[in-house]
Amino acid sequence: PSQAPSQGICPQPLVSGHFQDGQAEGIVLTQGLNGEPLRFPLHLWYSPTALWRCAPINRAIYHITSGAAAKAWCGTVVVLKFNGSRRQGYSDARSNDLPALSAYFLTYK
């Protein structure tokens, strides 16, 4: 799935407090299953140091990928959904966003 840097006038959420070392990197998912464009892109944050710090495997990601992801995702992952394609605000990601997230985690190398 395609990734793009976050752009637009949306305020940046304060997510670093959710990560053990206060470091978070973000990516924006713009495509879902089979390369279909997402009507509302997903903004995902993760810890770039979680694997190095030996953080535990993220069980939610393990579950939605049935353990088939090529990369072991460790530590906290935060996902918000943009309110619109112009990326001017956020809403909670919901269960109907899981297929797009699962596809991303399964194809990430």
Protein backbone atom coordinates (compact mmCIF):
# COMPACT_ATOMS: atom_id res chain seq x y z
CA PRO A 1 0.00 0.00 0.00
CA SER A 2 1.07 3.52 -0.75
CA GLN A 3 2.43 5.80 1.92
CA ALA A 4 2.65 9.57 1.75
CA PRO A 5 3.93 12.20 4.14
CA SER A 6 1.26 13.94 6.14
CA GLN A 7 0.26 17.20 4.48
CA GLY A 8 -2.57 19.64 4.91
CA ILE A 9 -3.58 21.98 7.67
CA CYS A 10 -4.54 19.34 10.21
CA PRO A 11 -3.03 19.91 13.67
CA GLN A 12 -0.47 17.30 14.67
CA PRO A 13 -1.76 15.08 17.52
CA LEU A 14 0.43 14.74 20.59
CA VAL A 15 1.17 11.02 20.44
CA SER A 16 4.72 10.86 21.80
CA GLY A 17 3.40 10.35 25.36
CA HIS A 18 2.02 6.97 24.26
CA PHE A 19 5.50 5.68 23.44
CA GLN A 20 7.89 4.44 26.12
CA ASP A 21 10.87 6.50 24.94
CA GLY A 22 8.76 9.42 23.68
CA GLN A 23 9.82 8.80 20.08
CA ALA A 24 7.24 8.23 17.37
CA GLU A 25 7.42 8.18 13.60
CA GLY A 26 4.33 8.55 11.47
CA ILE A 27 3.18 7.45 8.06
CA VAL A 28 -0.03 8.10 6.15
CA LEU A 29 -1.77 5.19 4.45
CA THR A 30 -3.61 6.32 1.33
CA GLN A 31 -4.34 2.91 -0.19
CA GLY A 32 -6.13 -0.12 1.19
CA LEU A 33 -6.74 -3.61 -0.10
CA ASN A 34 -5.70 -4.25 -3.70
CA GLY A 35 -4.34 -0.71 -4.01
CA GLU A 36 -7.78 0.86 -3.70
CA PRO A 37 -7.53 4.50 -2.59
CA LEU A 38 -8.80 5.11 0.92
CA ARG A 39 -11.57 7.70 1.03
CA PHE A 40 -10.28 8.73 4.46
CA PRO A 41 -6.52 8.12 4.78
CA LEU A 42 -5.14 6.59 7.97
CA HIS A 43 -2.30 8.17 9.97
CA LEU A 44 -0.22 5.58 11.78
CA TRP A 45 2.47 6.24 14.40
CA TYR A 46 4.94 3.66 15.70
CA SER A 47 8.13 3.52 17.72
CA PRO A 48 11.25 3.35 15.55
CA THR A 49 13.20 1.96 18.52
CA ALA A 50 10.72 -0.66 19.81
CA LEU A 51 12.45 -3.66 18.22
CA TRP A 52 15.87 -2.44 19.34
CA ARG A 53 14.53 -2.00 22.90
CA CYS A 54 13.11 -5.55 22.81
CA ALA A 55 9.55 -4.28 23.26
CA PRO A 56 6.98 -7.08 23.17
CA ILE A 57 5.27 -8.04 19.92
CA ASN A 58 2.14 -5.97 19.34
CA ARG A 59 -0.57 -8.58 19.89
CA ALA A 60 -3.27 -6.58 18.09
CA ILE A 61 -1.20 -6.45 14.90
CA TYR A 62 -0.26 -10.09 15.31
CA HIS A 63 -3.95 -10.93 15.62
CA ILE A 64 -5.23 -8.93 12.61
CA THR A 65 -2.46 -10.41 10.41
CA SER A 66 -2.91 -13.94 11.83
CA GLY A 67 0.82 -13.90 12.57
CA ALA A 68 1.68 -13.80 8.85
CA ALA A 69 3.37 -10.38 8.75
CA ALA A 70 6.95 -10.52 7.44
CA LYS A 71 8.04 -7.92 10.02
CA ALA A 72 7.37 -8.35 13.70
CA TRP A 73 5.67 -5.15 14.88
CA CYS A 74 6.71 -4.38 18.43
CA GLY A 75 5.49 -1.85 20.94
CA THR A 76 2.75 0.73 20.68
CA VAL A 77 1.04 1.67 17.42
CA VAL A 78 -1.45 4.55 17.28
CA VAL A 79 -3.83 4.97 14.33
CA LEU A 80 -6.18 7.87 13.59
CA LYS A 81 -8.34 8.39 10.52
CA PHE A 82 -8.46 11.68 8.68
CA ASN A 83 -11.94 13.21 8.55
CA GLY A 84 -11.63 13.85 4.83
CA SER A 85 -9.32 13.58 1.88
CA ARG A 86 -8.05 17.10 2.62
CA ARG A 87 -6.63 15.90 5.95
CA GLN A 88 -8.01 18.76 8.04
CA GLY A 89 -8.97 16.77 11.13
CA TYR A 90 -9.02 13.34 12.70
CA SER A 91 -11.52 10.80 13.93
CA ASP A 92 -11.06 7.42 15.57
CA ALA A 93 -10.05 4.52 13.36
CA ARG A 94 -12.76 1.85 13.51
CA SER A 95 -13.12 -1.85 12.86
CA ASN A 96 -13.91 -1.23 9.18
CA ASP A 97 -10.36 0.22 8.89
CA LEU A 98 -8.77 -3.07 9.97
CA PRO A 99 -8.57 -4.60 6.46
CA ALA A 100 -6.50 -1.64 5.19
CA LEU A 101 -4.27 -1.77 8.26
CA SER A 102 -3.86 -5.52 7.99
CA ALA A 103 -2.93 -5.20 4.30
CA TYR A 104 -0.27 -2.61 5.21
CA PHE A 105 1.25 -4.73 7.98
CA LEU A 106 1.22 -7.84 5.77
CA THR A 107 3.03 -6.13 2.89
CA TYR A 108 5.54 -4.10 4.94
CA LYS A 109 9.06 -5.52 4.65
